[in-house]
Amino acid sequence: MATTTILLREDLDHVGGRGEIVKVKAGYARNYLLPKGLATLATKGNVKQIEQERAALLKKAAVEKATADAQREQMESITLTFERKAGEHGTLFGSVTSMDIADALKAKGYEIDRKRVNLRDAIKETGEYTVTVKLHREVSLTIPVTVTGEGGEMPEKEEKKAKKTEKEPIAGAVEAAAPAAEETLAEEAPATEESAADAPAEGEAEG
């Protein structure tokens, strides 16, 4: 399979970071990376040009990472809360999406592309969640997200109710077992006293 050596101008997932020289499939480079300006061909004829561009790209990447690190420190204390209309067991009439999270962050003064919000599936139930936001290729932030019903209510989920119901008979069984245990002890007590009475005293045994 034919490959091509390129210099990446942008960070690309599963390919590499800005300023890296990597090999990719020739068709991928020719049909996508080069036309989009995401990469430059690295050949023997343009080594000097590539090295100069690479140095500039690496410097830019370092500045962006430092900015992302600073932004993460600023955002570490952020928590997000969403109120949604919900059913009896916490199922939402709607959902909380990556766009909702990006909008909530924007309202707090942080412009984050929704594509950088790592939320595989939209949130469709009330509860507490953690969502990862990718600020940079090497910098990520985990944000606590709470989803409640309208008015801040947290409906009890059906699973919790089921578990609670299962525990109740066990508690009843323990209470029922207590009197039975007391009766058993009461029956055994006289037998112990009789045995003690029938046993000869220490002095009689010697005589």
C-alpha atoms as a PDB file:
ATOM      1  CA  MET A   1       0.000   0.000   0.000  1.00  0.00           C
ATOM      2  CA  ALA A   2       1.456   3.332  -1.100  1.00  0.00           C
ATOM      3  CA  THR A   3       2.236   5.863   1.636  1.00  0.00           C
ATOM      4  CA  THR A   4       3.239   9.505   1.642  1.00  0.00           C
ATOM      5  CA  THR A   5       5.355  11.446   4.144  1.00  0.00           C
ATOM      6  CA  ILE A   6       3.714  14.673   5.265  1.00  0.00           C
ATOM      7  CA  LEU A   7       4.094  17.500   7.767  1.00  0.00           C
ATOM      8  CA  LEU A   8       0.911  18.031   9.764  1.00  0.00           C
ATOM      9  CA  ARG A   9      -0.279  21.610  10.018  1.00  0.00           C
ATOM     10  CA  GLU A  10      -3.119  20.793  12.394  1.00  0.00           C
ATOM     11  CA  ASP A  11      -3.831  18.293  15.165  1.00  0.00           C
ATOM     12  CA  LEU A  12      -5.595  15.253  13.743  1.00  0.00           C
ATOM     13  CA  ASP A  13      -6.976  12.449  15.898  1.00  0.00           C
ATOM     14  CA  HIS A  14      -5.427   9.057  15.120  1.00  0.00           C
ATOM     15  CA  VAL A  15      -2.865  10.730  12.819  1.00  0.00           C
ATOM     16  CA  GLY A  16      -0.684  13.083  14.879  1.00  0.00           C
ATOM     17  CA  GLY A  17      -0.151  16.556  16.258  1.00  0.00           C
ATOM     18  CA  ARG A  18       0.683  19.826  14.592  1.00  0.00           C
ATOM     19  CA  GLY A  19       4.337  19.947  13.522  1.00  0.00           C
ATOM     20  CA  GLU A  20       4.778  16.168  13.379  1.00  0.00           C
ATOM     21  CA  ILE A  21       6.155  14.443  10.284  1.00  0.00           C
ATOM     22  CA  VAL A  22       4.201  11.232   9.676  1.00  0.00           C
ATOM     23  CA  LYS A  23       3.432   8.701   6.975  1.00  0.00           C
ATOM     24  CA  VAL A  24      -0.160   8.251   5.791  1.00  0.00           C
ATOM     25  CA  LYS A  25      -1.915   6.532   2.921  1.00  0.00           C
ATOM     26  CA  ALA A  26      -1.158   8.304  -0.336  1.00  0.00           C
ATOM     27  CA  GLY A  27      -4.840   8.593  -1.262  1.00  0.00           C
ATOM     28  CA  TYR A  28      -5.748  10.079   2.123  1.00  0.00           C
ATOM     29  CA  ALA A  29      -3.054  12.741   1.730  1.00  0.00           C
ATOM     30  CA  ARG A  30      -3.817  13.490  -1.908  1.00  0.00           C
ATOM     31  CA  ASN A  31      -7.627  13.566  -1.614  1.00  0.00           C
ATOM     32  CA  TYR A  32      -8.121  15.107   1.813  1.00  0.00           C
ATOM     33  CA  LEU A  33      -5.161  16.380   3.839  1.00  0.00           C
ATOM     34  CA  LEU A  34      -3.356  18.350   1.132  1.00  0.00           C
ATOM     35  CA  PRO A  35      -6.432  19.979  -0.508  1.00  0.00           C
ATOM     36  CA  LYS A  36      -7.731  21.013   2.939  1.00  0.00           C
ATOM     37  CA  GLY A  37      -4.397  22.585   3.856  1.00  0.00           C
ATOM     38  CA  LEU A  38      -4.070  20.249   6.843  1.00  0.00           C
ATOM     39  CA  ALA A  39      -0.664  18.977   5.773  1.00  0.00           C
ATOM     40  CA  THR A  40       2.324  19.637   3.513  1.00  0.00           C
ATOM     41  CA  LEU A  41       4.271  17.073   1.511  1.00  0.00           C
ATOM     42  CA  ALA A  42       7.649  16.300   3.050  1.00  0.00           C
ATOM     43  CA  THR A  43      10.120  15.453   0.285  1.00  0.00           C
ATOM     44  CA  LYS A  44      13.892  15.516  -0.140  1.00  0.00           C
ATOM     45  CA  GLY A  45      13.532  18.622  -2.285  1.00  0.00           C
ATOM     46  CA  ASN A  46      11.814  20.751   0.372  1.00  0.00           C
ATOM     47  CA  VAL A  47      13.605  19.604   3.528  1.00  0.00           C
ATOM     48  CA  LYS A  48      14.737  23.135   4.448  1.00  0.00           C
ATOM     49  CA  GLN A  49      11.276  24.601   3.901  1.00  0.00           C
ATOM     50  CA  ILE A  50       9.664  21.796   5.890  1.00  0.00           C
ATOM     51  CA  GLU A  51      12.043  22.266   8.828  1.00  0.00           C
ATOM     52  CA  GLN A  52      11.332  26.003   8.980  1.00  0.00           C
ATOM     53  CA  GLU A  53       7.580  25.418   8.826  1.00  0.00           C
ATOM     54  CA  ARG A  54       7.832  22.627  11.387  1.00  0.00           C
ATOM     55  CA  ALA A  55       9.676  24.879  13.851  1.00  0.00           C
ATOM     56  CA  ALA A  56       6.973  27.546  13.496  1.00  0.00           C
ATOM     57  CA  LEU A  57       4.183  24.973  13.927  1.00  0.00           C
ATOM     58  CA  LEU A  58       5.784  23.454  17.024  1.00  0.00           C
ATOM     59  CA  LYS A  59       6.140  26.911  18.573  1.00  0.00           C
ATOM     60  CA  LYS A  60       2.469  27.617  17.858  1.00  0.00           C
ATOM     61  CA  ALA A  61       1.475  24.223  19.312  1.00  0.00           C
ATOM     62  CA  ALA A  62       3.414  24.954  22.527  1.00  0.00           C
ATOM     63  CA  VAL A  63       1.624  28.293  22.953  1.00  0.00           C
ATOM     64  CA  GLU A  64      -1.771  26.629  22.386  1.00  0.00           C
ATOM     65  CA  LYS A  65      -1.016  23.918  24.956  1.00  0.00           C
ATOM     66  CA  ALA A  66       0.058  26.505  27.535  1.00  0.00           C
ATOM     67  CA  THR A  67      -3.182  28.400  26.891  1.00  0.00           C
ATOM     68  CA  ALA A  68      -5.204  25.200  27.280  1.00  0.00           C
ATOM     69  CA  ASP A  69      -3.435  24.375  30.573  1.00  0.00           C
ATOM     70  CA  ALA A  70      -4.286  27.826  31.912  1.00  0.00           C
ATOM     71  CA  GLN A  71      -7.886  27.470  30.772  1.00  0.00           C
ATOM     72  CA  ARG A  72      -8.194  24.108  32.505  1.00  0.00           C
ATOM     73  CA  GLU A  73      -7.051  25.655  35.778  1.00  0.00           C
ATOM     74  CA  GLN A  74      -9.715  28.352  35.427  1.00  0.00           C
ATOM     75  CA  MET A  75     -12.440  25.802  34.664  1.00  0.00           C
ATOM     76  CA  GLU A  76     -11.584  23.196  37.318  1.00  0.00           C
ATOM     77  CA  SER A  77     -14.235  24.452  39.750  1.00  0.00           C
ATOM     78  CA  ILE A  78     -17.055  24.557  37.158  1.00  0.00           C
ATOM     79  CA  THR A  79     -20.163  22.423  37.675  1.00  0.00           C
ATOM     80  CA  LEU A  80     -23.191  22.411  35.390  1.00  0.00           C
ATOM     81  CA  THR A  81     -26.830  21.866  36.343  1.00  0.00           C
ATOM     82  CA  PHE A  82     -29.704  21.342  33.936  1.00  0.00           C
ATOM     83  CA  GLU A  83     -33.416  21.296  34.764  1.00  0.00           C
ATOM     84  CA  ARG A  84     -35.649  19.295  32.457  1.00  0.00           C
ATOM     85  CA  LYS A  85     -39.214  18.074  32.496  1.00  0.00           C
ATOM     86  CA  ALA A  86     -39.027  14.468  33.681  1.00  0.00           C
ATOM     87  CA  GLY A  87     -41.335  11.505  34.219  1.00  0.00           C
ATOM     88  CA  GLU A  88     -42.039   9.665  37.457  1.00  0.00           C
ATOM     89  CA  HIS A  89     -38.873   7.573  37.327  1.00  0.00           C
ATOM     90  CA  GLY A  90     -36.503  10.296  36.116  1.00  0.00           C
ATOM     91  CA  THR A  91     -36.812   9.783  32.355  1.00  0.00           C
ATOM     92  CA  LEU A  92     -36.466  13.132  30.601  1.00  0.00           C
ATOM     93  CA  PHE A  93     -38.971  14.499  28.102  1.00  0.00           C
ATOM     94  CA  GLY A  94     -36.079  15.468  25.869  1.00  0.00           C
ATOM     95  CA  SER A  95     -32.346  15.223  26.586  1.00  0.00           C
ATOM     96  CA  VAL A  96     -29.144  17.073  27.459  1.00  0.00           C
ATOM     97  CA  THR A  97     -26.762  17.148  24.480  1.00  0.00           C
ATOM     98  CA  SER A  98     -23.187  18.211  23.796  1.00  0.00           C
ATOM     99  CA  MET A  99     -24.609  21.430  22.337  1.00  0.00           C
ATOM    100  CA  ASP A 100     -26.437  22.128  25.622  1.00  0.00           C
ATOM    101  CA  ILE A 101     -23.186  21.662  27.529  1.00  0.00           C
ATOM    102  CA  ALA A 102     -21.266  23.908  25.100  1.00  0.00           C
ATOM    103  CA  ASP A 103     -23.977  26.584  25.459  1.00  0.00           C
ATOM    104  CA  ALA A 104     -23.858  26.334  29.267  1.00  0.00           C
ATOM    105  CA  LEU A 105     -20.073  26.774  29.199  1.00  0.00           C
ATOM    106  CA  LYS A 106     -20.429  29.743  26.851  1.00  0.00           C
ATOM    107  CA  ALA A 107     -22.844  31.330  29.336  1.00  0.00           C
ATOM    108  CA  LYS A 108     -20.055  31.063  31.924  1.00  0.00           C
ATOM    109  CA  GLY A 109     -17.624  32.777  29.562  1.00  0.00           C
ATOM    110  CA  TYR A 110     -15.907  29.798  27.943  1.00  0.00           C
ATOM    111  CA  GLU A 111     -16.227  29.336  24.186  1.00  0.00           C
ATOM    112  CA  ILE A 112     -15.909  25.587  23.621  1.00  0.00           C
ATOM    113  CA  ASP A 113     -16.715  23.863  20.331  1.00  0.00           C
ATOM    114  CA  ARG A 114     -19.397  21.223  20.933  1.00  0.00           C
ATOM    115  CA  LYS A 115     -17.185  18.737  19.050  1.00  0.00           C
ATOM    116  CA  ARG A 116     -14.747  19.002  21.946  1.00  0.00           C
ATOM    117  CA  VAL A 117     -17.431  17.850  24.410  1.00  0.00           C
ATOM    118  CA  ASN A 118     -16.976  14.098  24.780  1.00  0.00           C
ATOM    119  CA  LEU A 119     -20.583  12.945  25.165  1.00  0.00           C
ATOM    120  CA  ARG A 120     -21.166   9.747  23.214  1.00  0.00           C
ATOM    121  CA  ASP A 121     -24.924   9.632  23.896  1.00  0.00           C
ATOM    122  CA  ALA A 122     -27.280  12.400  24.952  1.00  0.00           C
ATOM    123  CA  ILE A 123     -28.293  12.324  28.644  1.00  0.00           C
ATOM    124  CA  LYS A 124     -31.890  11.104  28.917  1.00  0.00           C
ATOM    125  CA  GLU A 125     -32.331  10.541  32.667  1.00  0.00           C
ATOM    126  CA  THR A 126     -31.973  12.650  35.778  1.00  0.00           C
ATOM    127  CA  GLY A 127     -28.841  12.017  37.798  1.00  0.00           C
ATOM    128  CA  GLU A 128     -25.230  13.005  38.277  1.00  0.00           C
ATOM    129  CA  TYR A 129     -22.743  12.620  35.433  1.00  0.00           C
ATOM    130  CA  THR A 130     -19.194  13.572  34.467  1.00  0.00           C
ATOM    131  CA  VAL A 131     -18.426  14.917  31.005  1.00  0.00           C
ATOM    132  CA  THR A 132     -14.945  15.234  29.509  1.00  0.00           C
ATOM    133  CA  VAL A 133     -14.104  18.379  27.539  1.00  0.00           C
ATOM    134  CA  LYS A 134     -11.048  18.302  25.281  1.00  0.00           C
ATOM    135  CA  LEU A 135      -9.361  21.698  25.461  1.00  0.00           C
ATOM    136  CA  HIS A 136      -6.309  20.584  23.489  1.00  0.00           C
ATOM    137  CA  ARG A 137      -4.924  17.384  22.020  1.00  0.00           C
ATOM    138  CA  GLU A 138      -3.043  16.823  25.294  1.00  0.00           C
ATOM    139  CA  VAL A 139      -5.305  18.712  27.716  1.00  0.00           C
ATOM    140  CA  SER A 140      -8.703  17.480  28.929  1.00  0.00           C
ATOM    141  CA  LEU A 141     -11.053  18.555  31.706  1.00  0.00           C
ATOM    142  CA  THR A 142     -13.743  16.551  33.528  1.00  0.00           C
ATOM    143  CA  ILE A 143     -16.848  18.550  34.429  1.00  0.00           C
ATOM    144  CA  PRO A 144     -19.549  17.363  36.900  1.00  0.00           C
ATOM    145  CA  VAL A 145     -23.028  17.610  35.358  1.00  0.00           C
ATOM    146  CA  THR A 146     -26.262  17.296  37.346  1.00  0.00           C
ATOM    147  CA  VAL A 147     -29.590  16.798  35.587  1.00  0.00           C
ATOM    148  CA  THR A 148     -32.756  17.297  37.655  1.00  0.00           C
ATOM    149  CA  GLY A 149     -36.464  17.490  37.071  1.00  0.00           C
ATOM    150  CA  GLU A 150     -38.242  20.837  36.991  1.00  0.00           C
ATOM    151  CA  GLY A 151     -37.860  22.741  40.238  1.00  0.00           C
ATOM    152  CA  GLY A 152     -34.627  20.888  41.011  1.00  0.00           C
ATOM    153  CA  GLU A 153     -36.408  17.653  41.906  1.00  0.00           C
ATOM    154  CA  MET A 154     -34.593  14.338  41.550  1.00  0.00           C
ATOM    155  CA  PRO A 155     -37.277  11.672  40.896  1.00  0.00           C
ATOM    156  CA  GLU A 156     -36.576   8.271  42.427  1.00  0.00           C
ATOM    157  CA  LYS A 157     -35.647   5.835  39.705  1.00  0.00           C
ATOM    158  CA  GLU A 158     -37.493   2.571  39.296  1.00  0.00           C
ATOM    159  CA  GLU A 159     -34.391   0.464  39.970  1.00  0.00           C
ATOM    160  CA  LYS A 160     -33.863   2.079  43.372  1.00  0.00           C
ATOM    161  CA  LYS A 161     -37.489   1.414  44.308  1.00  0.00           C
ATOM    162  CA  ALA A 162     -37.102  -2.239  43.359  1.00  0.00           C
ATOM    163  CA  LYS A 163     -33.982  -2.614  45.500  1.00  0.00           C
ATOM    164  CA  LYS A 164     -35.690  -0.962  48.442  1.00  0.00           C
ATOM    165  CA  THR A 165     -38.658  -3.350  48.151  1.00  0.00           C
ATOM    166  CA  GLU A 166     -36.322  -6.349  48.073  1.00  0.00           C
ATOM    167  CA  LYS A 167     -34.659  -5.298  51.323  1.00  0.00           C
ATOM    168  CA  GLU A 168     -37.906  -4.943  53.318  1.00  0.00           C
ATOM    169  CA  PRO A 169     -38.730  -8.708  53.642  1.00  0.00           C
ATOM    170  CA  ILE A 170     -35.156  -9.330  54.831  1.00  0.00           C
ATOM    171  CA  ALA A 171     -35.588  -6.798  57.635  1.00  0.00           C
ATOM    172  CA  GLY A 172     -38.914  -8.457  58.583  1.00  0.00           C
ATOM    173  CA  ALA A 173     -37.296 -11.869  58.651  1.00  0.00           C
ATOM    174  CA  VAL A 174     -34.634 -10.644  61.077  1.00  0.00           C
ATOM    175  CA  GLU A 175     -37.317  -9.261  63.401  1.00  0.00           C
ATOM    176  CA  ALA A 176     -39.274 -12.529  63.229  1.00  0.00           C
ATOM    177  CA  ALA A 177     -36.151 -14.569  63.972  1.00  0.00           C
ATOM    178  CA  ALA A 178     -35.371 -12.615  67.167  1.00  0.00           C
ATOM    179  CA  PRO A 179     -38.274 -14.017  69.336  1.00  0.00           C
ATOM    180  CA  ALA A 180     -37.499 -17.538  68.100  1.00  0.00           C
ATOM    181  CA  ALA A 181     -33.900 -17.178  69.212  1.00  0.00           C
ATOM    182  CA  GLU A 182     -35.024 -15.965  72.652  1.00  0.00           C
ATOM    183  CA  GLU A 183     -37.343 -19.012  73.061  1.00  0.00           C
ATOM    184  CA  THR A 184     -34.489 -21.370  72.192  1.00  0.00           C
ATOM    185  CA  LEU A 185     -32.245 -19.800  74.808  1.00  0.00           C
ATOM    186  CA  ALA A 186     -35.044 -19.984  77.400  1.00  0.00           C
ATOM    187  CA  GLU A 187     -35.508 -23.724  76.754  1.00  0.00           C
ATOM    188  CA  GLU A 188     -31.801 -24.456  77.009  1.00  0.00           C
ATOM    189  CA  ALA A 189     -31.312 -22.485  80.273  1.00  0.00           C
ATOM    190  CA  PRO A 190     -33.136 -24.909  82.707  1.00  0.00           C
ATOM    191  CA  ALA A 191     -31.268 -27.905  81.295  1.00  0.00           C
ATOM    192  CA  THR A 192     -28.022 -26.213  82.110  1.00  0.00           C
ATOM    193  CA  GLU A 193     -29.130 -25.507  85.693  1.00  0.00           C
ATOM    194  CA  GLU A 194     -30.197 -29.133  86.237  1.00  0.00           C
ATOM    195  CA  SER A 195     -26.874 -30.394  84.987  1.00  0.00           C
ATOM    196  CA  ALA A 196     -25.128 -28.117  87.416  1.00  0.00           C
ATOM    197  CA  ALA A 197     -27.316 -29.353  90.319  1.00  0.00           C
ATOM    198  CA  ASP A 198     -26.722 -33.034  89.551  1.00  0.00           C
ATOM    199  CA  ALA A 199     -22.963 -32.640  89.387  1.00  0.00           C
ATOM    200  CA  PRO A 200     -21.212 -33.612  92.683  1.00  0.00           C
ATOM    201  CA  ALA A 201     -19.493 -30.900  94.651  1.00  0.00           C
ATOM    202  CA  GLU A 202     -15.704 -30.793  94.513  1.00  0.00           C
ATOM    203  CA  GLY A 203     -15.402 -31.975  98.120  1.00  0.00           C
ATOM    204  CA  GLU A 204     -17.694 -35.015  97.646  1.00  0.00           C
ATOM    205  CA  ALA A 205     -15.740 -36.156  94.613  1.00  0.00           C
ATOM    206  CA  GLU A 206     -12.553 -36.250  96.714  1.00  0.00           C
ATOM    207  CA  GLY A 207     -14.265 -38.202  99.472  1.00  0.00           C
END
